[in-house]
């Protein structure tokens, strides 16, 4: 029996995810609802970190060694409007690179499962 292809493989692996992450942050940095959270962020480091996290979340290799979601968002007091904006940008970035809607929904369901660790910290 053949092993099912992961979303990571289906999307195109590391190279594709890197492009999605770059576009994702272009959208975020253009959005006044959330861009202030990244005002003092080293965006090159953030993009690399996010690519590793998304790769792992999509079934790719586990290279993510960052903080827990709760720790990473501590002190930010993110509200549902912020979470929804970020999730929307992730949706749009994946769609921009041709990921089909069913696969995007899977990604967003995974992201939604992290909501309690991200909001109101």
PDB file of N, CA and C in Angstrom:
ATOM      1  N   UNK A   1       0.842  -1.191   0.000  1.00  0.00           N
ATOM      2  CA  UNK A   1       0.000   0.000   0.000  1.00  0.00           C
ATOM      3  C   UNK A   1       0.885   1.251   0.000  1.00  0.00           C
ATOM      4  N   UNK A   2       0.581   2.176  -0.869  1.00  0.00           N
ATOM      5  CA  UNK A   2       1.381   3.387  -0.996  1.00  0.00           C
ATOM      6  C   UNK A   2       1.014   4.397   0.091  1.00  0.00           C
ATOM      7  N   UNK A   3       2.042   5.040   0.625  1.00  0.00           N
ATOM      8  CA  UNK A   3       1.840   6.044   1.666  1.00  0.00           C
ATOM      9  C   UNK A   3       1.164   7.274   1.046  1.00  0.00           C
ATOM     10  N   UNK A   4       0.156   7.799   1.734  1.00  0.00           N
ATOM     11  CA  UNK A   4      -0.551   8.978   1.236  1.00  0.00           C
ATOM     12  C   UNK A   4       0.387  10.186   1.206  1.00  0.00           C
ATOM     13  N   UNK A   5       0.216  10.983   0.178  1.00  0.00           N
ATOM     14  CA  UNK A   5       1.022  12.186   0.029  1.00  0.00           C
ATOM     15  C   UNK A   5       0.594  13.208   1.094  1.00  0.00           C
ATOM     16  N   UNK A   6       1.568  13.801   1.763  1.00  0.00           N
ATOM     17  CA  UNK A   6       1.245  14.828   2.757  1.00  0.00           C
ATOM     18  C   UNK A   6       0.882  16.129   2.042  1.00  0.00           C
ATOM     19  N   UNK A   7       0.231  17.024   2.756  1.00  0.00           N
ATOM     20  CA  UNK A   7      -0.059  18.339   2.192  1.00  0.00           C
ATOM     21  C   UNK A   7       1.238  19.051   1.830  1.00  0.00           C
ATOM     22  N   UNK A   8       2.261  18.844   2.643  1.00  0.00           N
ATOM     23  CA  UNK A   8       3.584  19.431   2.395  1.00  0.00           C
ATOM     24  C   UNK A   8       4.080  19.021   1.000  1.00  0.00           C
ATOM     25  N   UNK A   9       3.983  17.732   0.696  1.00  0.00           N
ATOM     26  CA  UNK A   9       4.426  17.227  -0.615  1.00  0.00           C
ATOM     27  C   UNK A   9       3.500  17.711  -1.731  1.00  0.00           C
ATOM     28  N   UNK A  10       2.200  17.682  -1.455  1.00  0.00           N
ATOM     29  CA  UNK A  10       1.200  18.069  -2.443  1.00  0.00           C
ATOM     30  C   UNK A  10       1.385  19.529  -2.873  1.00  0.00           C
ATOM     31  N   UNK A  11       1.698  20.386  -1.915  1.00  0.00           N
ATOM     32  CA  UNK A  11       1.870  21.812  -2.197  1.00  0.00           C
ATOM     33  C   UNK A  11       3.169  22.081  -2.944  1.00  0.00           C
ATOM     34  N   UNK A  12       4.145  21.217  -2.764  1.00  0.00           N
ATOM     35  CA  UNK A  12       5.399  21.393  -3.501  1.00  0.00           C
ATOM     36  C   UNK A  12       6.633  21.473  -2.620  1.00  0.00           C
ATOM     37  N   UNK A  13       6.489  21.122  -1.337  1.00  0.00           N
ATOM     38  CA  UNK A  13       7.644  21.050  -0.456  1.00  0.00           C
ATOM     39  C   UNK A  13       8.199  22.398  -0.038  1.00  0.00           C
ATOM     40  N   UNK A  14       9.439  22.351   0.399  1.00  0.00           N
ATOM     41  CA  UNK A  14      10.100  23.505   1.015  1.00  0.00           C
ATOM     42  C   UNK A  14      10.112  24.751   0.129  1.00  0.00           C
ATOM     43  N   UNK A  15      10.441  24.570  -1.142  1.00  0.00           N
ATOM     44  CA  UNK A  15      10.538  25.711  -2.051  1.00  0.00           C
ATOM     45  C   UNK A  15       9.193  26.418  -2.210  1.00  0.00           C
ATOM     46  N   UNK A  16       8.142  25.639  -2.391  1.00  0.00           N
ATOM     47  CA  UNK A  16       6.805  26.211  -2.563  1.00  0.00           C
ATOM     48  C   UNK A  16       6.355  26.902  -1.282  1.00  0.00           C
ATOM     49  N   UNK A  17       6.607  26.282  -0.148  1.00  0.00           N
ATOM     50  CA  UNK A  17       6.189  26.868   1.128  1.00  0.00           C
ATOM     51  C   UNK A  17       6.931  28.170   1.384  1.00  0.00           C
ATOM     52  N   UNK A  18       8.176  28.237   1.015  1.00  0.00           N
ATOM     53  CA  UNK A  18       8.943  29.463   1.161  1.00  0.00           C
ATOM     54  C   UNK A  18       8.296  30.609   0.366  1.00  0.00           C
ATOM     55  N   UNK A  19       7.838  30.323  -0.847  1.00  0.00           N
ATOM     56  CA  UNK A  19       7.166  31.337  -1.670  1.00  0.00           C
ATOM     57  C   UNK A  19       5.832  31.753  -1.050  1.00  0.00           C
ATOM     58  N   UNK A  20       5.091  30.767  -0.554  1.00  0.00           N
ATOM     59  CA  UNK A  20       3.808  31.054   0.100  1.00  0.00           C
ATOM     60  C   UNK A  20       4.038  31.959   1.311  1.00  0.00           C
ATOM     61  N   UNK A  21       5.053  31.643   2.112  1.00  0.00           N
ATOM     62  CA  UNK A  21       5.349  32.425   3.320  1.00  0.00           C
ATOM     63  C   UNK A  21       5.748  33.852   2.955  1.00  0.00           C
ATOM     64  N   UNK A  22       6.557  34.020   1.929  1.00  0.00           N
ATOM     65  CA  UNK A  22       6.944  35.368   1.503  1.00  0.00           C
ATOM     66  C   UNK A  22       5.710  36.182   1.105  1.00  0.00           C
ATOM     67  N   UNK A  23       4.846  35.590   0.335  1.00  0.00           N
ATOM     68  CA  UNK A  23       3.630  36.284  -0.111  1.00  0.00           C
ATOM     69  C   UNK A  23       2.702  36.549   1.074  1.00  0.00           C
ATOM     70  N   UNK A  24       2.583  35.569   1.964  1.00  0.00           N
ATOM     71  CA  UNK A  24       1.784  35.674   3.194  1.00  0.00           C
ATOM     72  C   UNK A  24       2.210  36.907   3.995  1.00  0.00           C
ATOM     73  N   UNK A  25       3.512  37.090   4.181  1.00  0.00           N
ATOM     74  CA  UNK A  25       3.982  38.248   4.947  1.00  0.00           C
ATOM     75  C   UNK A  25       3.851  39.548   4.168  1.00  0.00           C
ATOM     76  N   UNK A  26       3.911  39.493   2.850  1.00  0.00           N
ATOM     77  CA  UNK A  26       3.633  40.701   2.060  1.00  0.00           C
ATOM     78  C   UNK A  26       2.200  41.166   2.339  1.00  0.00           C
ATOM     79  N   UNK A  27       1.270  40.218   2.392  1.00  0.00           N
ATOM     80  CA  UNK A  27      -0.131  40.544   2.677  1.00  0.00           C
ATOM     81  C   UNK A  27      -0.282  41.084   4.098  1.00  0.00           C
ATOM     82  N   UNK A  28       0.361  40.428   5.049  1.00  0.00           N
ATOM     83  CA  UNK A  28       0.268  40.844   6.451  1.00  0.00           C
ATOM     84  C   UNK A  28       0.833  42.250   6.648  1.00  0.00           C
ATOM     85  N   UNK A  29       1.993  42.510   6.076  1.00  0.00           N
ATOM     86  CA  UNK A  29       2.644  43.807   6.275  1.00  0.00           C
ATOM     87  C   UNK A  29       1.891  44.944   5.592  1.00  0.00           C
ATOM     88  N   UNK A  30       1.012  44.609   4.651  1.00  0.00           N
ATOM     89  CA  UNK A  30       0.194  45.618   3.984  1.00  0.00           C
ATOM     90  C   UNK A  30      -1.144  45.832   4.707  1.00  0.00           C
ATOM     91  N   UNK A  31      -1.397  45.055   5.740  1.00  0.00           N
ATOM     92  CA  UNK A  31      -2.683  45.076   6.450  1.00  0.00           C
ATOM     93  C   UNK A  31      -2.548  45.794   7.792  1.00  0.00           C
ATOM     94  N   UNK A  32      -3.170  46.957   7.897  1.00  0.00           N
ATOM     95  CA  UNK A  32      -3.052  47.757   9.113  1.00  0.00           C
ATOM     96  C   UNK A  32      -3.716  47.110  10.330  1.00  0.00           C
ATOM     97  N   UNK A  33      -4.540  46.111  10.112  1.00  0.00           N
ATOM     98  CA  UNK A  33      -5.156  45.393  11.225  1.00  0.00           C
ATOM     99  C   UNK A  33      -4.102  44.641  12.035  1.00  0.00           C
ATOM    100  N   UNK A  34      -3.068  44.137  11.351  1.00  0.00           N
ATOM    101  CA  UNK A  34      -2.091  43.263  12.022  1.00  0.00           C
ATOM    102  C   UNK A  34      -0.628  43.647  11.834  1.00  0.00           C
ATOM    103  N   UNK A  35      -0.319  44.552  10.914  1.00  0.00           N
ATOM    104  CA  UNK A  35       1.096  44.805  10.616  1.00  0.00           C
ATOM    105  C   UNK A  35       1.872  45.387  11.794  1.00  0.00           C
ATOM    106  N   UNK A  36       1.186  46.066  12.710  1.00  0.00           N
ATOM    107  CA  UNK A  36       1.893  46.644  13.865  1.00  0.00           C
ATOM    108  C   UNK A  36       2.514  45.583  14.775  1.00  0.00           C
ATOM    109  N   UNK A  37       2.000  44.363  14.729  1.00  0.00           N
ATOM    110  CA  UNK A  37       2.581  43.277  15.541  1.00  0.00           C
ATOM    111  C   UNK A  37       3.988  42.910  15.060  1.00  0.00           C
ATOM    112  N   UNK A  38       4.330  43.318  13.845  1.00  0.00           N
ATOM    113  CA  UNK A  38       5.614  42.955  13.249  1.00  0.00           C
ATOM    114  C   UNK A  38       6.561  44.149  13.117  1.00  0.00           C
ATOM    115  N   UNK A  39       6.194  45.255  13.741  1.00  0.00           N
ATOM    116  CA  UNK A  39       6.958  46.502  13.639  1.00  0.00           C
ATOM    117  C   UNK A  39       8.433  46.331  14.019  1.00  0.00           C
ATOM    118  N   UNK A  40       8.700  45.567  15.061  1.00  0.00           N
ATOM    119  CA  UNK A  40      10.072  45.397  15.557  1.00  0.00           C
ATOM    120  C   UNK A  40      10.571  43.961  15.344  1.00  0.00           C
ATOM    121  N   UNK A  41      10.076  43.332  14.307  1.00  0.00           N
ATOM    122  CA  UNK A  41      10.409  41.936  14.033  1.00  0.00           C
ATOM    123  C   UNK A  41      11.448  41.847  12.931  1.00  0.00           C
ATOM    124  N   UNK A  42      12.433  40.979  13.129  1.00  0.00           N
ATOM    125  CA  UNK A  42      13.390  40.648  12.072  1.00  0.00           C
ATOM    126  C   UNK A  42      12.626  39.764  11.083  1.00  0.00           C
ATOM    127  N   UNK A  43      12.161  40.359   9.977  1.00  0.00           N
ATOM    128  CA  UNK A  43      11.269  39.642   9.072  1.00  0.00           C
ATOM    129  C   UNK A  43      11.959  38.494   8.343  1.00  0.00           C
ATOM    130  N   UNK A  44      13.243  38.591   8.097  1.00  0.00           N
ATOM    131  CA  UNK A  44      13.934  37.464   7.450  1.00  0.00           C
ATOM    132  C   UNK A  44      13.904  36.246   8.376  1.00  0.00           C
ATOM    133  N   UNK A  45      14.204  36.485   9.637  1.00  0.00           N
ATOM    134  CA  UNK A  45      14.172  35.409  10.633  1.00  0.00           C
ATOM    135  C   UNK A  45      12.736  34.889  10.799  1.00  0.00           C
ATOM    136  N   UNK A  46      11.778  35.803  10.842  1.00  0.00           N
ATOM    137  CA  UNK A  46      10.375  35.428  11.004  1.00  0.00           C
ATOM    138  C   UNK A  46       9.896  34.567   9.835  1.00  0.00           C
ATOM    139  N   UNK A  47      10.275  34.943   8.618  1.00  0.00           N
ATOM    140  CA  UNK A  47       9.864  34.174   7.436  1.00  0.00           C
ATOM    141  C   UNK A  47      10.441  32.756   7.476  1.00  0.00           C
ATOM    142  N   UNK A  48      11.715  32.629   7.849  1.00  0.00           N
ATOM    143  CA  UNK A  48      12.337  31.300   7.934  1.00  0.00           C
ATOM    144  C   UNK A  48      11.650  30.455   9.010  1.00  0.00           C
ATOM    145  N   UNK A  49      11.399  31.084  10.141  1.00  0.00           N
ATOM    146  CA  UNK A  49      10.745  30.420  11.267  1.00  0.00           C
ATOM    147  C   UNK A  49       9.345  29.945  10.857  1.00  0.00           C
ATOM    148  N   UNK A  50       8.594  30.823  10.208  1.00  0.00           N
ATOM    149  CA  UNK A  50       7.233  30.491   9.792  1.00  0.00           C
ATOM    150  C   UNK A  50       7.227  29.395   8.732  1.00  0.00           C
ATOM    151  N   UNK A  51       8.186  29.419   7.822  1.00  0.00           N
ATOM    152  CA  UNK A  51       8.267  28.364   6.795  1.00  0.00           C
ATOM    153  C   UNK A  51       8.481  27.006   7.446  1.00  0.00           C
ATOM    154  N   UNK A  52       9.335  26.946   8.466  1.00  0.00           N
ATOM    155  CA  UNK A  52       9.563  25.677   9.175  1.00  0.00           C
ATOM    156  C   UNK A  52       8.302  25.236   9.893  1.00  0.00           C
ATOM    157  N   UNK A  53       7.622  26.178  10.534  1.00  0.00           N
ATOM    158  CA  UNK A  53       6.394  25.844  11.254  1.00  0.00           C
ATOM    159  C   UNK A  53       5.322  25.343  10.291  1.00  0.00           C
ATOM    160  N   UNK A  54       5.100  26.064   9.199  1.00  0.00           N
ATOM    161  CA  UNK A  54       4.069  25.655   8.232  1.00  0.00           C
ATOM    162  C   UNK A  54       4.428  24.316   7.591  1.00  0.00           C
ATOM    163  N   UNK A  55       5.697  24.125   7.270  1.00  0.00           N
ATOM    164  CA  UNK A  55       6.135  22.844   6.701  1.00  0.00           C
ATOM    165  C   UNK A  55       5.775  21.692   7.636  1.00  0.00           C
ATOM    166  N   UNK A  56       6.104  21.850   8.902  1.00  0.00           N
ATOM    167  CA  UNK A  56       5.801  20.817   9.896  1.00  0.00           C
ATOM    168  C   UNK A  56       4.288  20.616  10.024  1.00  0.00           C
ATOM    169  N   UNK A  57       3.548  21.720  10.064  1.00  0.00           N
ATOM    170  CA  UNK A  57       2.095  21.645  10.210  1.00  0.00           C
ATOM    171  C   UNK A  57       1.436  20.933   9.029  1.00  0.00           C
ATOM    172  N   UNK A  58       2.092  20.953   7.865  1.00  0.00           N
ATOM    173  CA  UNK A  58       1.540  20.315   6.669  1.00  0.00           C
ATOM    174  C   UNK A  58       2.074  18.898   6.465  1.00  0.00           C
ATOM    175  N   UNK A  59       2.786  18.381   7.445  1.00  0.00           N
ATOM    176  CA  UNK A  59       3.263  17.008   7.355  1.00  0.00           C
ATOM    177  C   UNK A  59       4.665  16.865   6.806  1.00  0.00           C
ATOM    178  N   UNK A  60       5.380  17.974   6.683  1.00  0.00           N
ATOM    179  CA  UNK A  60       6.760  17.934   6.208  1.00  0.00           C
ATOM    180  C   UNK A  60       7.707  17.612   7.357  1.00  0.00           C
ATOM    181  N   UNK A  61       8.992  17.728   7.102  1.00  0.00           N
ATOM    182  CA  UNK A  61       9.976  17.406   8.143  1.00  0.00           C
ATOM    183  C   UNK A  61       9.844  18.361   9.331  1.00  0.00           C
ATOM    184  N   UNK A  62      10.049  17.823  10.525  1.00  0.00           N
ATOM    185  CA  UNK A  62       9.948  18.634  11.731  1.00  0.00           C
ATOM    186  C   UNK A  62      11.266  19.344  11.981  1.00  0.00           C
ATOM    187  N   UNK A  63      11.375  20.559  11.468  1.00  0.00           N
ATOM    188  CA  UNK A  63      12.554  21.382  11.714  1.00  0.00           C
ATOM    189  C   UNK A  63      12.181  22.519  12.646  1.00  0.00           C
ATOM    190  N   UNK A  64      10.922  22.518  13.112  1.00  0.00           N
ATOM    191  CA  UNK A  64      10.443  23.603  13.958  1.00  0.00           C
ATOM    192  C   UNK A  64      10.958  23.406  15.376  1.00  0.00           C
ATOM    193  N   UNK A  65      11.696  24.399  15.846  1.00  0.00           N
ATOM    194  CA  UNK A  65      12.223  24.315  17.201  1.00  0.00           C
ATOM    195  C   UNK A  65      11.922  25.590  17.973  1.00  0.00           C
ATOM    196  N   UNK A  66      10.883  26.277  17.543  1.00  0.00           N
ATOM    197  CA  UNK A  66      10.532  27.543  18.169  1.00  0.00           C
ATOM    198  C   UNK A  66       9.755  27.365  19.453  1.00  0.00           C
ATOM    199  N   UNK A  67       9.311  28.472  19.983  1.00  0.00           N
ATOM    200  CA  UNK A  67       8.519  28.485  21.201  1.00  0.00           C
ATOM    201  C   UNK A  67       7.173  27.822  20.962  1.00  0.00           C
ATOM    202  N   UNK A  68       6.523  27.423  22.045  1.00  0.00           N
ATOM    203  CA  UNK A  68       5.149  26.934  21.919  1.00  0.00           C
ATOM    204  C   UNK A  68       4.291  28.101  21.414  1.00  0.00           C
ATOM    205  N   UNK A  69       3.140  27.786  20.877  1.00  0.00           N
ATOM    206  CA  UNK A  69       2.262  28.846  20.363  1.00  0.00           C
ATOM    207  C   UNK A  69       1.900  29.828  21.478  1.00  0.00           C
ATOM    208  N   UNK A  70       1.600  29.313  22.657  1.00  0.00           N
ATOM    209  CA  UNK A  70       1.229  30.188  23.773  1.00  0.00           C
ATOM    210  C   UNK A  70       2.385  31.116  24.140  1.00  0.00           C
ATOM    211  N   UNK A  71       3.586  30.575  24.228  1.00  0.00           N
ATOM    212  CA  UNK A  71       4.766  31.385  24.575  1.00  0.00           C
ATOM    213  C   UNK A  71       5.078  32.408  23.481  1.00  0.00           C
ATOM    214  N   UNK A  72       5.003  31.992  22.235  1.00  0.00           N
ATOM    215  CA  UNK A  72       5.345  32.867  21.117  1.00  0.00           C
ATOM    216  C   UNK A  72       4.409  34.077  21.029  1.00  0.00           C
ATOM    217  N   UNK A  73       3.179  33.931  21.513  1.00  0.00           N
ATOM    218  CA  UNK A  73       2.196  35.007  21.395  1.00  0.00           C
ATOM    219  C   UNK A  73       1.913  35.699  22.731  1.00  0.00           C
ATOM    220  N   UNK A  74       2.688  35.354  23.745  1.00  0.00           N
ATOM    221  CA  UNK A  74       2.533  35.939  25.074  1.00  0.00           C
ATOM    222  C   UNK A  74       2.708  37.453  25.043  1.00  0.00           C
ATOM    223  N   UNK A  75       1.812  38.147  25.714  1.00  0.00           N
ATOM    224  CA  UNK A  75       1.910  39.595  25.811  1.00  0.00           C
ATOM    225  C   UNK A  75       1.371  40.348  24.604  1.00  0.00           C
ATOM    226  N   UNK A  76       0.930  39.626  23.582  1.00  0.00           N
ATOM    227  CA  UNK A  76       0.443  40.286  22.364  1.00  0.00           C
ATOM    228  C   UNK A  76      -1.050  40.614  22.447  1.00  0.00           C
ATOM    229  N   UNK A  77      -1.777  39.894  23.306  1.00  0.00           N
ATOM    230  CA  UNK A  77      -3.220  40.072  23.468  1.00  0.00           C
ATOM    231  C   UNK A  77      -3.949  40.048  22.122  1.00  0.00           C
ATOM    232  N   UNK A  78      -3.629  39.048  21.320  1.00  0.00           N
ATOM    233  CA  UNK A  78      -4.294  38.898  20.024  1.00  0.00           C
ATOM    234  C   UNK A  78      -5.772  38.602  20.221  1.00  0.00           C
ATOM    235  N   UNK A  79      -6.577  39.247  19.413  1.00  0.00           N
ATOM    236  CA  UNK A  79      -8.025  39.113  19.464  1.00  0.00           C
ATOM    237  C   UNK A  79      -8.497  38.337  18.231  1.00  0.00           C
ATOM    238  N   UNK A  80      -9.755  37.869  18.243  1.00  0.00           N
ATOM    239  CA  UNK A  80     -10.261  37.130  17.080  1.00  0.00           C
ATOM    240  C   UNK A  80     -10.100  37.888  15.760  1.00  0.00           C
ATOM    241  N   UNK A  81     -10.260  39.198  15.751  1.00  0.00           N
ATOM    242  CA  UNK A  81     -10.110  39.961  14.508  1.00  0.00           C
ATOM    243  C   UNK A  81      -8.698  39.811  13.940  1.00  0.00           C
ATOM    244  N   UNK A  82      -7.692  39.763  14.803  1.00  0.00           N
ATOM    245  CA  UNK A  82      -6.309  39.588  14.358  1.00  0.00           C
ATOM    246  C   UNK A  82      -6.096  38.171  13.828  1.00  0.00           C
ATOM    247  N   UNK A  83      -6.571  37.190  14.589  1.00  0.00           N
ATOM    248  CA  UNK A  83      -6.436  35.784  14.193  1.00  0.00           C
ATOM    249  C   UNK A  83      -7.087  35.562  12.826  1.00  0.00           C
ATOM    250  N   UNK A  84      -8.296  36.105  12.663  1.00  0.00           N
ATOM    251  CA  UNK A  84      -9.033  35.911  11.415  1.00  0.00           C
ATOM    252  C   UNK A  84      -8.339  36.598  10.239  1.00  0.00           C
ATOM    253  N   UNK A  85      -7.743  37.757  10.479  1.00  0.00           N
ATOM    254  CA  UNK A  85      -7.004  38.453   9.419  1.00  0.00           C
ATOM    255  C   UNK A  85      -5.810  37.608   8.971  1.00  0.00           C
ATOM    256  N   UNK A  86      -5.068  37.079   9.933  1.00  0.00           N
ATOM    257  CA  UNK A  86      -3.891  36.257   9.618  1.00  0.00           C
ATOM    258  C   UNK A  86      -4.322  34.986   8.871  1.00  0.00           C
ATOM    259  N   UNK A  87      -5.368  34.329   9.359  1.00  0.00           N
ATOM    260  CA  UNK A  87      -5.865  33.118   8.693  1.00  0.00           C
ATOM    261  C   UNK A  87      -6.324  33.444   7.265  1.00  0.00           C
ATOM    262  N   UNK A  88      -6.961  34.591   7.082  1.00  0.00           N
ATOM    263  CA  UNK A  88      -7.397  35.013   5.746  1.00  0.00           C
ATOM    264  C   UNK A  88      -6.216  35.225   4.812  1.00  0.00           C
ATOM    265  N   UNK A  89      -5.153  35.815   5.353  1.00  0.00           N
ATOM    266  CA  UNK A  89      -3.958  36.029   4.529  1.00  0.00           C
ATOM    267  C   UNK A  89      -3.285  34.703   4.168  1.00  0.00           C
ATOM    268  N   UNK A  90      -3.309  33.759   5.099  1.00  0.00           N
ATOM    269  CA  UNK A  90      -2.753  32.435   4.798  1.00  0.00           C
ATOM    270  C   UNK A  90      -3.581  31.772   3.697  1.00  0.00           C
ATOM    271  N   UNK A  91      -4.891  31.872   3.812  1.00  0.00           N
ATOM    272  CA  UNK A  91      -5.770  31.341   2.766  1.00  0.00           C
ATOM    273  C   UNK A  91      -5.415  31.947   1.408  1.00  0.00           C
ATOM    274  N   UNK A  92      -5.314  33.284   1.381  1.00  0.00           N
ATOM    275  CA  UNK A  92      -5.062  33.978   0.112  1.00  0.00           C
ATOM    276  C   UNK A  92      -3.686  33.655  -0.463  1.00  0.00           C
ATOM    277  N   UNK A  93      -2.702  33.495   0.413  1.00  0.00           N
ATOM    278  CA  UNK A  93      -1.352  33.159  -0.055  1.00  0.00           C
ATOM    279  C   UNK A  93      -1.328  31.756  -0.655  1.00  0.00           C
ATOM    280  N   UNK A  94      -1.989  30.815  -0.001  1.00  0.00           N
ATOM    281  CA  UNK A  94      -2.045  29.447  -0.537  1.00  0.00           C
ATOM    282  C   UNK A  94      -2.811  29.428  -1.865  1.00  0.00           C
ATOM    283  N   UNK A  95      -3.936  30.138  -1.920  1.00  0.00           N
ATOM    284  CA  UNK A  95      -4.737  30.185  -3.153  1.00  0.00           C
ATOM    285  C   UNK A  95      -3.945  30.844  -4.281  1.00  0.00           C
ATOM    286  N   UNK A  96      -3.180  31.868  -3.964  1.00  0.00           N
ATOM    287  CA  UNK A  96      -2.366  32.581  -4.949  1.00  0.00           C
ATOM    288  C   UNK A  96      -1.405  31.630  -5.670  1.00  0.00           C
ATOM    289  N   UNK A  97      -0.936  30.617  -4.935  1.00  0.00           N
ATOM    290  CA  UNK A  97       0.004  29.656  -5.523  1.00  0.00           C
ATOM    291  C   UNK A  97      -0.677  28.369  -5.980  1.00  0.00           C
ATOM    292  N   UNK A  98      -1.998  28.429  -6.163  1.00  0.00           N
ATOM    293  CA  UNK A  98      -2.718  27.337  -6.797  1.00  0.00           C
ATOM    294  C   UNK A  98      -3.100  26.165  -5.914  1.00  0.00           C
ATOM    295  N   UNK A  99      -3.027  26.336  -4.602  1.00  0.00           N
ATOM    296  CA  UNK A  99      -3.466  25.254  -3.708  1.00  0.00           C
ATOM    297  C   UNK A  99      -4.987  25.212  -3.759  1.00  0.00           C
ATOM    298  N   UNK A 100      -5.535  24.008  -3.911  1.00  0.00           N
ATOM    299  CA  UNK A 100      -6.988  23.921  -4.052  1.00  0.00           C
ATOM    300  C   UNK A 100      -7.692  24.179  -2.711  1.00  0.00           C
ATOM    301  N   UNK A 101      -8.958  24.550  -2.824  1.00  0.00           N
ATOM    302  CA  UNK A 101      -9.739  24.985  -1.659  1.00  0.00           C
ATOM    303  C   UNK A 101      -9.850  23.905  -0.585  1.00  0.00           C
ATOM    304  N   UNK A 102      -9.988  22.641  -0.973  1.00  0.00           N
ATOM    305  CA  UNK A 102     -10.092  21.561   0.014  1.00  0.00           C
ATOM    306  C   UNK A 102      -8.799  21.449   0.833  1.00  0.00           C
ATOM    307  N   UNK A 103      -7.662  21.591   0.177  1.00  0.00           N
ATOM    308  CA  UNK A 103      -6.384  21.529   0.891  1.00  0.00           C
ATOM    309  C   UNK A 103      -6.189  22.757   1.780  1.00  0.00           C
ATOM    310  N   UNK A 104      -6.619  23.908   1.283  1.00  0.00           N
ATOM    311  CA  UNK A 104      -6.535  25.133   2.087  1.00  0.00           C
ATOM    312  C   UNK A 104      -7.382  24.966   3.347  1.00  0.00           C
ATOM    313  N   UNK A 105      -8.567  24.395   3.201  1.00  0.00           N
ATOM    314  CA  UNK A 105      -9.448  24.182   4.361  1.00  0.00           C
ATOM    315  C   UNK A 105      -8.772  23.292   5.399  1.00  0.00           C
ATOM    316  N   UNK A 106      -8.044  22.269   4.947  1.00  0.00           N
ATOM    317  CA  UNK A 106      -7.312  21.397   5.873  1.00  0.00           C
ATOM    318  C   UNK A 106      -6.269  22.195   6.650  1.00  0.00           C
ATOM    319  N   UNK A 107      -5.541  23.046   5.946  1.00  0.00           N
ATOM    320  CA  UNK A 107      -4.520  23.886   6.578  1.00  0.00           C
ATOM    321  C   UNK A 107      -5.180  24.797   7.602  1.00  0.00           C
ATOM    322  N   UNK A 108      -6.273  25.440   7.217  1.00  0.00           N
ATOM    323  CA  UNK A 108      -6.944  26.386   8.108  1.00  0.00           C
ATOM    324  C   UNK A 108      -7.575  25.681   9.309  1.00  0.00           C
ATOM    325  N   UNK A 109      -8.010  24.439   9.138  1.00  0.00           N
ATOM    326  CA  UNK A 109      -8.516  23.667  10.285  1.00  0.00           C
ATOM    327  C   UNK A 109      -7.385  23.416  11.280  1.00  0.00           C
ATOM    328  N   UNK A 110      -6.202  23.124  10.769  1.00  0.00           N
ATOM    329  CA  UNK A 110      -5.050  22.922  11.646  1.00  0.00           C
ATOM    330  C   UNK A 110      -4.720  24.218  12.388  1.00  0.00           C
ATOM    331  N   UNK A 111      -4.726  25.327  11.666  1.00  0.00           N
ATOM    332  CA  UNK A 111      -4.453  26.633  12.268  1.00  0.00           C
ATOM    333  C   UNK A 111      -5.516  26.937  13.335  1.00  0.00           C
ATOM    334  N   UNK A 112      -6.774  26.666  13.029  1.00  0.00           N
ATOM    335  CA  UNK A 112      -7.861  26.932  13.976  1.00  0.00           C
ATOM    336  C   UNK A 112      -7.684  26.130  15.263  1.00  0.00           C
ATOM    337  N   UNK A 113      -7.079  24.953  15.162  1.00  0.00           N
ATOM    338  CA  UNK A 113      -6.867  24.127  16.356  1.00  0.00           C
ATOM    339  C   UNK A 113      -5.867  24.772  17.322  1.00  0.00           C
ATOM    340  N   UNK A 114      -5.123  25.765  16.851  1.00  0.00           N
ATOM    341  CA  UNK A 114      -4.131  26.458  17.686  1.00  0.00           C
ATOM    342  C   UNK A 114      -4.692  27.734  18.314  1.00  0.00           C
ATOM    343  N   UNK A 115      -5.912  28.071  17.979  1.00  0.00           N
ATOM    344  CA  UNK A 115      -6.518  29.344  18.380  1.00  0.00           C
ATOM    345  C   UNK A 115      -6.435  29.595  19.889  1.00  0.00           C
ATOM    346  N   UNK A 116      -6.756  28.586  20.686  1.00  0.00           N
ATOM    347  CA  UNK A 116      -6.747  28.766  22.148  1.00  0.00           C
ATOM    348  C   UNK A 116      -5.354  29.069  22.691  1.00  0.00           C
ATOM    349  N   UNK A 117      -4.317  28.628  21.982  1.00  0.00           N
ATOM    350  CA  UNK A 117      -2.935  28.889  22.420  1.00  0.00           C
ATOM    351  C   UNK A 117      -2.434  30.248  21.945  1.00  0.00           C
ATOM    352  N   UNK A 118      -3.201  30.905  21.095  1.00  0.00           N
ATOM    353  CA  UNK A 118      -2.751  32.158  20.476  1.00  0.00           C
ATOM    354  C   UNK A 118      -3.523  33.374  21.004  1.00  0.00           C
ATOM    355  N   UNK A 119      -4.834  33.241  21.161  1.00  0.00           N
ATOM    356  CA  UNK A 119      -5.654  34.388  21.525  1.00  0.00           C
ATOM    357  C   UNK A 119      -5.554  34.754  23.013  1.00  0.00           C
ATOM    358  N   UNK A 120      -5.699  36.041  23.268  1.00  0.00           N
ATOM    359  CA  UNK A 120      -5.809  36.624  24.615  1.00  0.00           C
ATOM    360  C   UNK A 120      -4.597  36.368  25.510  1.00  0.00           C
ATOM    361  N   UNK A 121      -3.422  36.171  24.949  1.00  0.00           N
ATOM    362  CA  UNK A 121      -2.224  35.880  25.758  1.00  0.00           C
ATOM    363  C   UNK A 121      -1.535  37.154  26.180  1.00  0.00           C
TER     364      UNK A 121
END
